[in-house]
Amino acid sequence: MSEQTPALRLEDIVKTFPGVRALDGVSFSVLPGEVHALMGENGAGKSTLMKVLGGIYQPEEGRIFIEERETVMHGPLEAKAKGVMFIHQELSLAQELSVAENIYLGELPRKAFGRVDWDTLYSRTDAILSKLKVSFNARTRVGDLSIANQQMVEIARALTVDAKAVIFDEPTASLTDAEKSVLFDVIEDLKAQGVGIIYISHRMEEIFRITDRISVLRDGEYRGTLETAETNEDEITQMMIGRSLDLSRNFEELELGKVALRVEGLSCGKLFQNVSFEVRQGEVLGFYGLVGAGRTEIAETLFGLRTPTAGRIFLKDEEVRINSPIDAISKGISLVPESRKEQGLVLGMNCRDNITLPQVDDLKAGPFVAEGAEVSIYDQYRDRLSIKSPSWRTAVGNLSGGNQQKIVIGKWLSMRPEVLIVDEPTRGIDVGSKSEIHNLLRDLAKQGYAVIVISSEMPEVLHVADRIVAMYHGQVMREFDASEVTEDGLIQAISGITNDAA
């Protein structure tokens, strides 16, 4: 494989920002017909390297080669024209346009006098969509699709050109297991056609399932490339973070306090029905299930974003009605949402202001916000969560995904809730930061918080939760003690199989 001419090669790339050397002489290549993983902690330089490749950033030093022909990228359209396609984790779709218009945006087929050839546009698009086995068609308005289906539209873009290299950035973050299988089939087809695939993901099981080689960045530097079949998770983790991670867990005797939250027969239309559970001070309650099982909708109902159609909610044995997030916050419930960029952050605001946003009124000194108090709160949670940012003045949109997630968690921890609900706490976060957040959630429980963790990753709920509620199609199937649960039993429960002996 190493004797092949690379489909794409970057040589000694250097990129600096004020106070930060983001890339320090990084070299990287992908061969035709291989899936090459690019891994590293959040902030390691992966996104910066890809933005250099896409012409979004111009490097101070280094060269780019496509099939060993040196080139300069001046923007994404030029990269696409030269056969380099990007499938971004963060959606970049026009919500009001059709699927077909989004896929061929900027290069719609034309008839005479510049008129759009709609028949050709729709037929080409439907042919691509058939390969992805999706349930929507070319004419569907993108804004009417789920986030997972919108991700499939992003993926469809890669099939519109004769690509030499395709970059997938966390492509499965919002996909169901069935959709992941389709994606992996698409990647295999591209691989068979001789396309080089760069695959960026923090999900080790995916990396070891579909990739041929793995390259690692750390602190803006290239740390090496290994054959996937000849390495393991621990070796890759050490390359990424410079140390081994102990992901084992001791099930110590819990010192539980009072019941902090109790839910009886809670329903919300067709989203979930007759859900009952409780969580005590000092424990982590996990919710696990497939996409669409109703987990997130329960959290949104408890936080006042949805109105229940039946059921009762008790906080410390006192029945409460929660009609809005303001109600929830005032009663001691905080929610770290599933989508940090759309729901958890104001990307143009700085780190300090994002963390203190829910309590601005409490920090006022007369008509003005007390800047010293805000900075003090930011400093506290920067240290507590190991947030990496040049300054509190840095716009949150300029931080890595992992540090953005830490800002959201810090914001809600600063409200000192009694019940903290965390929806997909480590989505899009590297293994080092993931371990830190898992330890943080466990520590919060030890401090007396009642913590609810919603996750689509089985290893996560098994590692962090004391009890696990398994959901299927809006219903609670079973509740497990984490010290006794088996993977088979959990999978059966979230698949709708009731087997109390599992």
Protein backbone atom coordinates (compact mmCIF):
# COMPACT_ATOMS: atom_id res chain seq x y z
CA MET A 1 0.00 0.00 0.00
CA SER A 2 2.82 2.40 0.91
CA GLU A 3 4.25 2.19 -2.68
CA GLN A 4 1.13 3.76 -4.17
CA THR A 5 1.02 7.39 -5.22
CA PRO A 6 -0.98 9.24 -2.55
CA ALA A 7 -4.34 10.61 -3.61
CA LEU A 8 -3.62 13.52 -1.33
CA ARG A 9 -0.55 14.64 0.60
CA LEU A 10 0.20 17.54 2.93
CA GLU A 11 3.84 18.27 3.69
CA ASP A 12 5.28 20.21 6.65
CA ILE A 13 2.19 22.37 7.18
CA VAL A 14 2.58 25.24 9.64
CA LYS A 15 -0.35 27.41 10.73
CA THR A 16 -0.30 29.96 13.54
CA PHE A 17 -2.88 32.15 15.21
CA PRO A 18 -2.21 34.92 17.74
CA GLY A 19 -0.54 33.19 20.68
CA VAL A 20 -1.10 29.69 19.28
CA ARG A 21 0.92 27.49 16.92
CA ALA A 22 -2.00 25.36 15.74
CA LEU A 23 0.01 23.21 13.30
CA ASP A 24 3.75 22.68 13.67
CA GLY A 25 5.20 21.03 10.58
CA VAL A 26 2.43 18.46 10.08
CA SER A 27 2.67 15.95 7.23
CA PHE A 28 -0.20 13.66 6.28
CA SER A 29 -1.23 11.56 3.28
CA VAL A 30 -4.09 9.33 2.17
CA LEU A 31 -3.73 6.61 -0.46
CA PRO A 32 -6.26 5.72 -3.15
CA GLY A 33 -8.71 3.11 -1.90
CA GLU A 34 -7.89 3.39 1.80
CA VAL A 35 -9.78 4.68 4.79
CA HIS A 36 -7.31 6.72 6.83
CA ALA A 37 -8.31 7.87 10.32
CA LEU A 38 -7.09 11.24 11.58
CA MET A 39 -7.26 11.28 15.36
CA GLY A 40 -6.34 13.58 18.22
CA GLU A 41 -7.80 15.36 21.20
CA ASN A 42 -10.03 18.37 20.67
CA GLY A 43 -7.64 21.20 19.88
CA ALA A 44 -4.95 18.86 18.51
CA GLY A 45 -5.13 20.50 15.08
CA LYS A 46 -7.35 18.14 13.05
CA SER A 47 -9.91 20.77 12.03
CA THR A 48 -7.20 23.34 11.31
CA LEU A 49 -5.39 20.87 9.05
CA MET A 50 -8.57 20.15 7.13
CA LYS A 51 -9.32 23.87 6.79
CA VAL A 52 -5.86 24.36 5.30
CA LEU A 53 -6.64 21.56 2.86
CA GLY A 54 -9.95 23.21 2.00
CA GLY A 55 -8.43 26.64 1.41
CA ILE A 56 -10.25 28.22 4.35
CA TYR A 57 -6.87 28.88 5.99
CA GLN A 58 -3.61 29.63 4.19
CA PRO A 59 -0.57 28.04 5.88
CA GLU A 60 2.57 30.04 6.66
CA GLU A 61 4.67 27.08 5.53
CA GLY A 62 4.14 23.75 3.80
CA ARG A 63 2.79 22.31 0.57
CA ILE A 64 -0.29 20.44 -0.67
CA PHE A 65 -0.14 17.73 -3.35
CA ILE A 66 -3.02 16.04 -5.20
CA GLU A 67 -1.78 12.89 -6.93
CA GLU A 68 1.74 14.34 -6.45
CA ARG A 69 0.88 17.55 -8.30
CA GLU A 70 1.55 20.53 -6.05
CA THR A 71 -1.43 22.83 -5.69
CA VAL A 72 -2.71 25.76 -3.67
CA MET A 73 -6.26 25.75 -2.33
CA HIS A 74 -8.06 29.10 -2.29
CA GLY A 75 -11.41 27.90 -1.01
CA PRO A 76 -13.86 24.97 -0.74
CA LEU A 77 -15.14 25.35 -4.32
CA GLU A 78 -11.60 25.08 -5.66
CA ALA A 79 -10.96 22.07 -3.43
CA LYS A 80 -14.11 20.41 -4.76
CA ALA A 81 -13.12 21.20 -8.36
CA LYS A 82 -9.79 19.47 -7.71
CA GLY A 83 -11.53 16.37 -6.34
CA VAL A 84 -11.46 16.99 -2.58
CA MET A 85 -14.87 16.73 -0.88
CA PHE A 86 -15.74 17.60 2.72
CA ILE A 87 -18.58 16.06 4.73
CA HIS A 88 -18.81 18.33 7.75
CA GLN A 89 -20.00 17.40 11.23
CA GLU A 90 -21.76 20.74 11.56
CA LEU A 91 -24.51 20.97 8.98
CA SER A 92 -24.17 23.64 6.30
CA LEU A 93 -27.49 23.26 4.53
CA ALA A 94 -30.00 25.82 3.27
CA GLN A 95 -33.14 24.89 5.23
CA GLU A 96 -35.65 26.41 2.80
CA LEU A 97 -34.26 24.72 -0.31
CA SER A 98 -34.96 21.20 -1.54
CA VAL A 99 -32.64 18.27 -1.05
CA ALA A 100 -31.66 18.42 -4.73
CA GLU A 101 -30.88 22.14 -4.61
CA ASN A 102 -28.69 21.65 -1.55
CA ILE A 103 -26.76 18.75 -3.05
CA TYR A 104 -26.02 20.62 -6.29
CA LEU A 105 -25.86 24.12 -4.83
CA GLY A 106 -23.67 26.34 -7.01
CA GLU A 107 -23.66 23.89 -9.93
CA LEU A 108 -27.31 23.27 -10.85
CA PRO A 109 -27.76 21.66 -14.30
CA ARG A 110 -28.86 24.25 -16.86
CA LYS A 111 -30.89 24.42 -20.04
CA ALA A 112 -30.69 27.11 -22.71
CA PHE A 113 -30.65 30.72 -21.53
CA GLY A 114 -29.48 29.68 -18.05
CA ARG A 115 -32.73 28.03 -16.97
CA VAL A 116 -32.46 25.29 -14.36
CA ASP A 117 -32.97 21.80 -15.76
CA TRP A 118 -35.22 20.58 -12.96
CA ASP A 119 -35.91 17.14 -14.45
CA THR A 120 -32.20 16.38 -14.69
CA LEU A 121 -31.58 17.82 -11.22
CA TYR A 122 -34.24 15.67 -9.58
CA SER A 123 -33.36 12.47 -11.47
CA ARG A 124 -29.65 12.79 -10.62
CA THR A 125 -30.47 13.43 -6.98
CA ASP A 126 -32.91 10.55 -6.66
CA ALA A 127 -30.30 8.21 -8.16
CA ILE A 128 -27.83 9.27 -5.44
CA LEU A 129 -30.44 9.02 -2.68
CA SER A 130 -31.31 5.48 -3.75
CA LYS A 131 -27.74 4.45 -2.95
CA LEU A 132 -28.18 5.87 0.57
CA LYS A 133 -31.46 4.00 1.11
CA VAL A 134 -33.16 7.07 2.60
CA SER A 135 -36.91 7.60 2.97
CA PHE A 136 -37.05 11.11 1.42
CA ASN A 137 -36.69 12.28 -2.18
CA ALA A 138 -35.05 15.03 -4.20
CA ARG A 139 -37.95 17.45 -3.82
CA THR A 140 -38.17 17.26 -0.02
CA ARG A 141 -37.52 20.55 1.77
CA VAL A 142 -34.37 20.13 3.88
CA GLY A 143 -35.90 22.00 6.83
CA ASP A 144 -38.54 19.25 7.09
CA LEU A 145 -35.92 16.54 7.64
CA SER A 146 -34.58 15.26 10.95
CA ILE A 147 -31.00 16.11 11.89
CA ALA A 148 -29.97 12.54 11.01
CA ASN A 149 -31.51 12.81 7.54
CA GLN A 150 -29.92 16.20 7.02
CA GLN A 151 -26.58 14.51 7.74
CA MET A 152 -27.41 12.02 5.00
CA VAL A 153 -27.92 14.96 2.61
CA GLU A 154 -24.43 16.18 3.53
CA ILE A 155 -23.09 12.70 2.79
CA ALA A 156 -24.91 12.63 -0.55
CA ARG A 157 -22.83 15.61 -1.68
CA ALA A 158 -19.76 13.37 -1.75
CA LEU A 159 -21.36 11.21 -4.44
CA THR A 160 -21.91 14.05 -6.93
CA VAL A 161 -18.33 14.42 -8.15
CA ASP A 162 -15.46 12.26 -9.33
CA ALA A 163 -13.69 12.63 -6.01
CA LYS A 164 -10.05 11.78 -5.39
CA ALA A 165 -10.36 12.23 -1.62
CA VAL A 166 -13.35 12.57 0.69
CA ILE A 167 -13.07 13.88 4.25
CA PHE A 168 -15.69 12.68 6.74
CA ASP A 169 -15.74 14.73 9.97
CA GLU A 170 -17.66 12.90 12.74
CA PRO A 171 -20.23 11.69 10.16
CA THR A 172 -22.12 9.34 12.52
CA ALA A 173 -22.72 11.83 15.35
CA SER A 174 -26.46 12.00 14.67
CA LEU A 175 -27.07 8.76 12.75
CA THR A 176 -28.99 5.68 13.84
CA ASP A 177 -27.33 2.26 13.72
CA ALA A 178 -29.14 1.48 10.45
CA GLU A 179 -27.98 4.75 8.91
CA LYS A 180 -24.42 4.08 10.07
CA SER A 181 -24.47 0.76 8.24
CA VAL A 182 -25.56 2.50 5.05
CA LEU A 183 -22.80 5.09 5.48
CA PHE A 184 -20.18 2.37 5.95
CA ASP A 185 -21.45 0.68 2.77
CA VAL A 186 -21.06 3.99 0.91
CA ILE A 187 -17.51 4.33 2.24
CA GLU A 188 -16.73 0.79 1.07
CA ASP A 189 -18.07 1.67 -2.41
CA LEU A 190 -15.91 4.81 -2.55
CA LYS A 191 -12.94 2.78 -1.39
CA ALA A 192 -13.54 0.20 -4.14
CA GLN A 193 -13.54 3.04 -6.70
CA GLY A 194 -10.06 4.07 -5.56
CA VAL A 195 -11.14 7.14 -3.60
CA GLY A 196 -9.01 8.05 -0.58
CA ILE A 197 -11.08 8.50 2.58
CA ILE A 198 -10.00 10.66 5.53
CA TYR A 199 -12.14 9.68 8.52
CA ILE A 200 -12.20 11.93 11.59
CA SER A 201 -13.96 10.46 14.61
CA HIS A 202 -13.59 10.01 18.35
CA ARG A 203 -15.48 6.71 18.26
CA MET A 204 -12.87 4.01 18.61
CA GLU A 205 -15.22 1.19 17.63
CA GLU A 206 -15.80 2.86 14.24
CA ILE A 207 -12.11 3.56 13.72
CA PHE A 208 -11.18 -0.08 14.26
CA ARG A 209 -14.11 -1.30 12.17
CA ILE A 210 -13.59 0.59 8.92
CA THR A 211 -10.11 2.14 8.71
CA ASP A 212 -6.86 0.84 7.24
CA ARG A 213 -4.41 3.26 8.88
CA ILE A 214 -4.53 5.73 11.76
CA SER A 215 -2.57 8.99 12.03
CA VAL A 216 -2.45 10.93 15.28
CA LEU A 217 -1.98 14.64 16.01
CA ARG A 218 -1.18 16.03 19.45
CA ASP A 219 -0.76 19.72 20.31
CA GLY A 220 -0.48 20.63 16.64
CA GLU A 221 2.25 18.08 15.92
CA TYR A 222 2.23 14.85 13.93
CA ARG A 223 2.79 11.88 16.28
CA GLY A 224 2.83 8.98 13.86
CA THR A 225 0.86 6.61 11.64
CA LEU A 226 -0.03 3.00 12.47
CA GLU A 227 -1.69 0.16 10.59
CA THR A 228 -5.12 -0.29 12.19
CA ALA A 229 -4.79 -4.07 12.26
CA GLU A 230 -1.50 -3.83 14.15
CA THR A 231 -2.51 -1.48 16.98
CA ASN A 232 -5.13 -1.18 19.70
CA GLU A 233 -7.17 1.45 21.54
CA ASP A 234 -4.69 1.86 24.36
CA GLU A 235 -1.75 2.54 22.04
CA ILE A 236 -3.76 5.10 20.05
CA THR A 237 -4.95 6.76 23.27
CA GLN A 238 -1.39 7.07 24.54
CA MET A 239 -0.35 8.68 21.26
CA MET A 240 -3.28 11.11 21.48
CA ILE A 241 -2.98 12.25 25.09
CA GLY A 242 0.45 11.11 26.19
CA ARG A 243 -0.84 8.72 28.84
CA SER A 244 -3.02 5.65 29.33
CA LEU A 245 -6.61 6.00 30.44
CA ASP A 246 -8.01 3.82 33.19
CA LEU A 247 -11.58 3.27 32.04
CA SER A 248 -12.31 0.61 34.64
CA ARG A 249 -14.78 1.34 37.38
CA ASN A 250 -15.07 0.30 40.98
CA PHE A 251 -18.66 -0.01 42.16
CA GLU A 252 -18.19 1.49 45.60
CA GLU A 253 -20.95 1.55 48.18
CA LEU A 254 -23.10 4.58 47.40
CA GLU A 255 -24.04 7.09 50.06
CA LEU A 256 -27.38 8.21 48.70
CA GLY A 257 -29.40 11.09 50.02
CA LYS A 258 -33.08 11.87 49.62
CA VAL A 259 -35.02 11.41 46.41
CA ALA A 260 -34.29 14.62 44.51
CA LEU A 261 -36.62 13.98 41.56
CA ARG A 262 -39.51 11.56 41.13
CA VAL A 263 -41.60 11.15 38.00
CA GLU A 264 -44.88 9.22 37.95
CA GLY A 265 -46.71 8.20 34.78
CA LEU A 266 -45.26 11.05 32.70
CA SER A 267 -46.45 11.21 29.09
CA CYS A 268 -46.03 13.64 26.22
CA GLY A 269 -48.34 12.71 23.37
CA LYS A 270 -46.81 10.07 21.12
CA LEU A 271 -43.23 10.98 22.11
CA PHE A 272 -43.24 8.94 25.34
CA GLN A 273 -45.87 7.35 27.55
CA ASN A 274 -46.30 6.40 31.22
CA VAL A 275 -42.69 6.99 32.23
CA SER A 276 -41.86 6.60 35.92
CA PHE A 277 -38.49 6.82 37.66
CA GLU A 278 -36.65 8.51 40.48
CA VAL A 279 -33.13 9.78 41.04
CA ARG A 280 -31.57 10.35 44.45
CA GLN A 281 -28.99 12.79 45.69
CA GLY A 282 -25.57 11.23 45.17
CA GLU A 283 -26.29 9.00 42.17
CA VAL A 284 -26.07 9.05 38.39
CA LEU A 285 -29.13 7.72 36.57
CA GLY A 286 -28.50 6.77 32.95
CA PHE A 287 -31.04 6.74 30.12
CA TYR A 288 -30.14 4.52 27.18
CA GLY A 289 -32.00 3.73 23.98
CA LEU A 290 -31.96 4.08 20.22
CA VAL A 291 -32.55 7.38 18.44
CA GLY A 292 -36.28 8.18 18.74
CA ALA A 293 -36.78 6.22 21.97
CA GLY A 294 -37.95 9.37 23.79
CA ARG A 295 -34.93 10.01 26.03
CA THR A 296 -34.28 13.60 24.94
CA GLU A 297 -37.98 14.42 24.95
CA ILE A 298 -38.22 13.39 28.62
CA ALA A 299 -35.36 15.74 29.46
CA GLU A 300 -36.99 18.57 27.51
CA THR A 301 -40.26 18.01 29.36
CA LEU A 302 -38.55 18.11 32.76
CA PHE A 303 -36.86 21.35 31.69
CA GLY A 304 -40.12 22.99 30.61
CA LEU A 305 -39.48 22.89 26.86
CA ARG A 306 -42.40 20.51 26.30
CA THR A 307 -45.78 20.28 27.99
CA PRO A 308 -46.67 16.86 29.41
CA THR A 309 -50.04 15.37 28.56
CA ALA A 310 -50.19 13.23 31.70
CA GLY A 311 -48.22 12.41 34.81
CA ARG A 312 -46.74 14.10 37.86
CA ILE A 313 -43.32 15.52 38.74
CA PHE A 314 -42.02 15.72 42.32
CA LEU A 315 -38.96 17.57 43.60
CA LYS A 316 -38.03 16.46 47.12
CA ASP A 317 -41.51 14.90 47.50
CA GLU A 318 -43.25 18.17 46.58
CA GLU A 319 -45.32 18.06 43.40
CA VAL A 320 -44.34 20.80 40.97
CA ARG A 321 -45.51 22.12 37.63
CA ILE A 322 -42.82 23.14 35.18
CA ASN A 323 -44.15 25.34 32.41
CA SER A 324 -40.91 26.85 31.12
CA PRO A 325 -37.12 26.64 31.47
CA ILE A 326 -37.32 29.57 33.89
CA ASP A 327 -39.54 27.44 36.12
CA ALA A 328 -37.12 24.53 35.89
CA ILE A 329 -34.06 26.64 36.68
CA SER A 330 -35.78 28.32 39.63
CA LYS A 331 -36.66 24.88 41.03
CA GLY A 332 -33.09 23.60 40.70
CA ILE A 333 -33.18 21.66 37.40
CA SER A 334 -30.54 22.34 34.73
CA LEU A 335 -30.23 20.78 31.28
CA VAL A 336 -27.06 20.45 29.22
CA PRO A 337 -28.67 20.00 25.79
CA GLU A 338 -27.84 17.47 23.09
CA SER A 339 -26.73 20.03 20.50
CA ARG A 340 -24.23 22.46 22.00
CA LYS A 341 -23.99 24.81 19.01
CA GLU A 342 -27.70 25.17 18.30
CA GLN A 343 -29.04 24.94 21.86
CA GLY A 344 -26.24 25.47 24.34
CA LEU A 345 -24.06 28.36 23.21
CA VAL A 346 -24.03 31.82 21.67
CA LEU A 347 -21.07 31.23 19.37
CA GLY A 348 -20.23 34.90 18.80
CA MET A 349 -20.06 35.66 22.52
CA ASN A 350 -16.94 35.15 24.61
CA CYS A 351 -16.30 32.32 27.06
CA ARG A 352 -17.04 34.35 30.18
CA ASP A 353 -20.38 35.66 28.92
CA ASN A 354 -21.54 32.21 27.82
CA ILE A 355 -20.86 30.70 31.24
CA THR A 356 -22.56 33.51 33.16
CA LEU A 357 -25.46 34.09 30.75
CA PRO A 358 -28.25 32.46 32.86
CA GLN A 359 -27.34 34.54 35.94
CA VAL A 360 -26.69 37.97 34.45
CA ASP A 361 -29.48 39.55 36.53
CA ASP A 362 -27.91 38.20 39.74
CA LEU A 363 -24.51 39.68 38.86
CA LYS A 364 -25.63 43.26 38.34
CA ALA A 365 -24.15 46.12 40.32
CA GLY A 366 -26.75 48.78 39.67
CA PRO A 367 -27.54 48.94 35.96
CA PHE A 368 -24.28 47.20 35.00
CA VAL A 369 -23.03 43.63 35.20
CA ALA A 370 -20.16 43.23 37.66
CA GLU A 371 -17.32 42.18 35.37
CA GLY A 372 -15.13 41.01 38.24
CA ALA A 373 -17.79 38.59 39.45
CA GLU A 374 -18.24 37.23 35.91
CA VAL A 375 -14.52 36.68 35.46
CA SER A 376 -14.31 34.98 38.85
CA ILE A 377 -17.06 32.52 37.87
CA TYR A 378 -15.38 31.84 34.52
CA ASP A 379 -12.00 31.27 36.18
CA GLN A 380 -13.55 28.82 38.65
CA TYR A 381 -15.08 26.62 35.96
CA ARG A 382 -12.15 27.01 33.57
CA ASP A 383 -9.95 25.41 36.23
CA ARG A 384 -12.53 22.89 37.38
CA LEU A 385 -13.27 21.60 33.87
CA SER A 386 -9.79 22.16 32.36
CA ILE A 387 -11.17 24.47 29.68
CA LYS A 388 -8.47 25.35 27.15
CA SER A 389 -8.90 28.89 25.84
CA PRO A 390 -6.37 31.68 25.26
CA SER A 391 -8.57 34.07 27.28
CA TRP A 392 -12.06 34.56 28.60
CA ARG A 393 -12.40 37.09 25.78
CA THR A 394 -12.09 34.36 23.13
CA ALA A 395 -15.30 33.78 21.17
CA VAL A 396 -16.75 30.36 21.98
CA GLY A 397 -17.12 29.67 18.25
CA ASN A 398 -13.33 29.59 18.00
CA LEU A 399 -12.91 26.81 20.58
CA SER A 400 -12.67 23.11 19.82
CA GLY A 401 -15.80 21.01 20.20
CA GLY A 402 -14.67 19.51 23.50
CA ASN A 403 -13.97 22.89 25.06
CA GLN A 404 -17.29 24.22 23.79
CA GLN A 405 -19.02 21.33 25.57
CA LYS A 406 -17.14 22.12 28.76
CA ILE A 407 -18.37 25.73 28.54
CA VAL A 408 -21.98 24.49 28.37
CA ILE A 409 -21.50 22.18 31.34
CA GLY A 410 -19.81 24.98 33.28
CA LYS A 411 -22.67 27.34 32.54
CA TRP A 412 -25.23 25.04 34.12
CA LEU A 413 -23.00 23.94 36.99
CA SER A 414 -22.56 27.60 37.88
CA MET A 415 -26.32 27.70 38.57
CA ARG A 416 -25.73 25.13 41.35
CA PRO A 417 -28.63 22.86 40.41
CA GLU A 418 -29.93 20.03 42.57
CA VAL A 419 -30.76 17.96 39.48
CA LEU A 420 -28.38 18.13 36.52
CA ILE A 421 -29.57 16.54 33.26
CA VAL A 422 -26.83 15.97 30.69
CA ASP A 423 -27.92 14.90 27.18
CA GLU A 424 -25.12 13.24 25.17
CA PRO A 425 -22.38 14.71 27.40
CA THR A 426 -19.44 13.62 25.25
CA ARG A 427 -20.75 13.73 21.67
CA GLY A 428 -17.92 14.80 19.39
CA ILE A 429 -15.37 14.83 22.22
CA ASP A 430 -12.00 13.08 22.28
CA VAL A 431 -11.18 10.24 24.66
CA GLY A 432 -9.15 12.40 27.04
CA SER A 433 -11.86 15.02 27.47
CA LYS A 434 -14.48 12.27 27.61
CA SER A 435 -12.71 10.67 30.56
CA GLU A 436 -12.50 14.04 32.32
CA ILE A 437 -16.24 14.65 31.88
CA HIS A 438 -17.12 11.13 33.06
CA ASN A 439 -15.02 11.67 36.18
CA LEU A 440 -16.64 15.06 36.67
CA LEU A 441 -20.14 13.59 36.54
CA ARG A 442 -19.16 10.92 39.07
CA ASP A 443 -17.61 13.58 41.32
CA LEU A 444 -20.76 15.71 41.11
CA ALA A 445 -22.80 12.75 42.33
CA LYS A 446 -20.40 12.27 45.24
CA GLN A 447 -20.93 15.93 46.12
CA GLY A 448 -24.67 15.29 46.46
CA TYR A 449 -25.99 16.25 43.05
CA ALA A 450 -28.65 14.10 41.41
CA VAL A 451 -27.34 13.53 37.89
CA ILE A 452 -29.25 12.21 34.88
CA VAL A 453 -27.13 11.18 31.88
CA ILE A 454 -28.71 10.50 28.48
CA SER A 455 -26.44 8.72 26.03
CA SER A 456 -26.56 6.70 22.83
CA GLU A 457 -23.19 5.11 23.68
CA MET A 458 -23.43 1.92 25.69
CA PRO A 459 -19.87 2.12 27.12
CA GLU A 460 -20.68 5.60 28.42
CA VAL A 461 -23.79 4.66 30.39
CA LEU A 462 -22.12 1.50 31.66
CA HIS A 463 -19.12 3.49 32.87
CA VAL A 464 -20.81 6.50 34.43
CA ALA A 465 -24.28 5.43 35.65
CA ASP A 466 -25.33 3.73 38.89
CA ARG A 467 -28.68 2.69 37.44
CA ILE A 468 -29.75 2.52 33.79
CA VAL A 469 -33.24 3.07 32.40
CA ALA A 470 -33.61 1.31 29.04
CA MET A 471 -36.16 2.84 26.66
CA TYR A 472 -37.86 1.63 23.50
CA HIS A 473 -40.37 3.60 21.40
CA GLY A 474 -41.26 6.05 24.16
CA GLN A 475 -41.60 3.49 26.93
CA VAL A 476 -39.43 2.34 29.81
CA MET A 477 -38.63 -1.31 29.16
CA ARG A 478 -36.42 -2.13 32.13
CA GLU A 479 -34.31 -0.56 34.84
CA PHE A 480 -30.89 -2.06 35.56
CA ASP A 481 -28.40 -1.79 38.39
CA ALA A 482 -25.13 -0.88 36.68
CA SER A 483 -23.11 -3.34 38.76
CA GLU A 484 -25.20 -6.26 37.46
CA VAL A 485 -26.32 -5.24 33.95
CA THR A 486 -25.11 -7.19 30.93
CA GLU A 487 -24.66 -5.82 27.43
CA ASP A 488 -26.99 -8.50 26.05
CA GLY A 489 -29.70 -7.57 28.53
CA LEU A 490 -29.37 -3.90 27.72
CA ILE A 491 -29.50 -4.50 23.96
CA GLN A 492 -32.57 -6.70 24.32
CA ALA A 493 -34.34 -4.04 26.39
CA ILE A 494 -33.72 -1.18 23.94
CA SER A 495 -34.83 -3.48 21.10
CA GLY A 496 -38.24 -4.01 22.71
CA ILE A 497 -37.54 -7.49 24.06
CA THR A 498 -38.83 -7.96 27.60
CA ASN A 499 -36.74 -10.61 29.28
CA ASP A 500 -36.48 -10.03 32.99
CA ALA A 501 -33.89 -12.77 33.29
CA ALA A 502 -31.51 -11.08 30.84
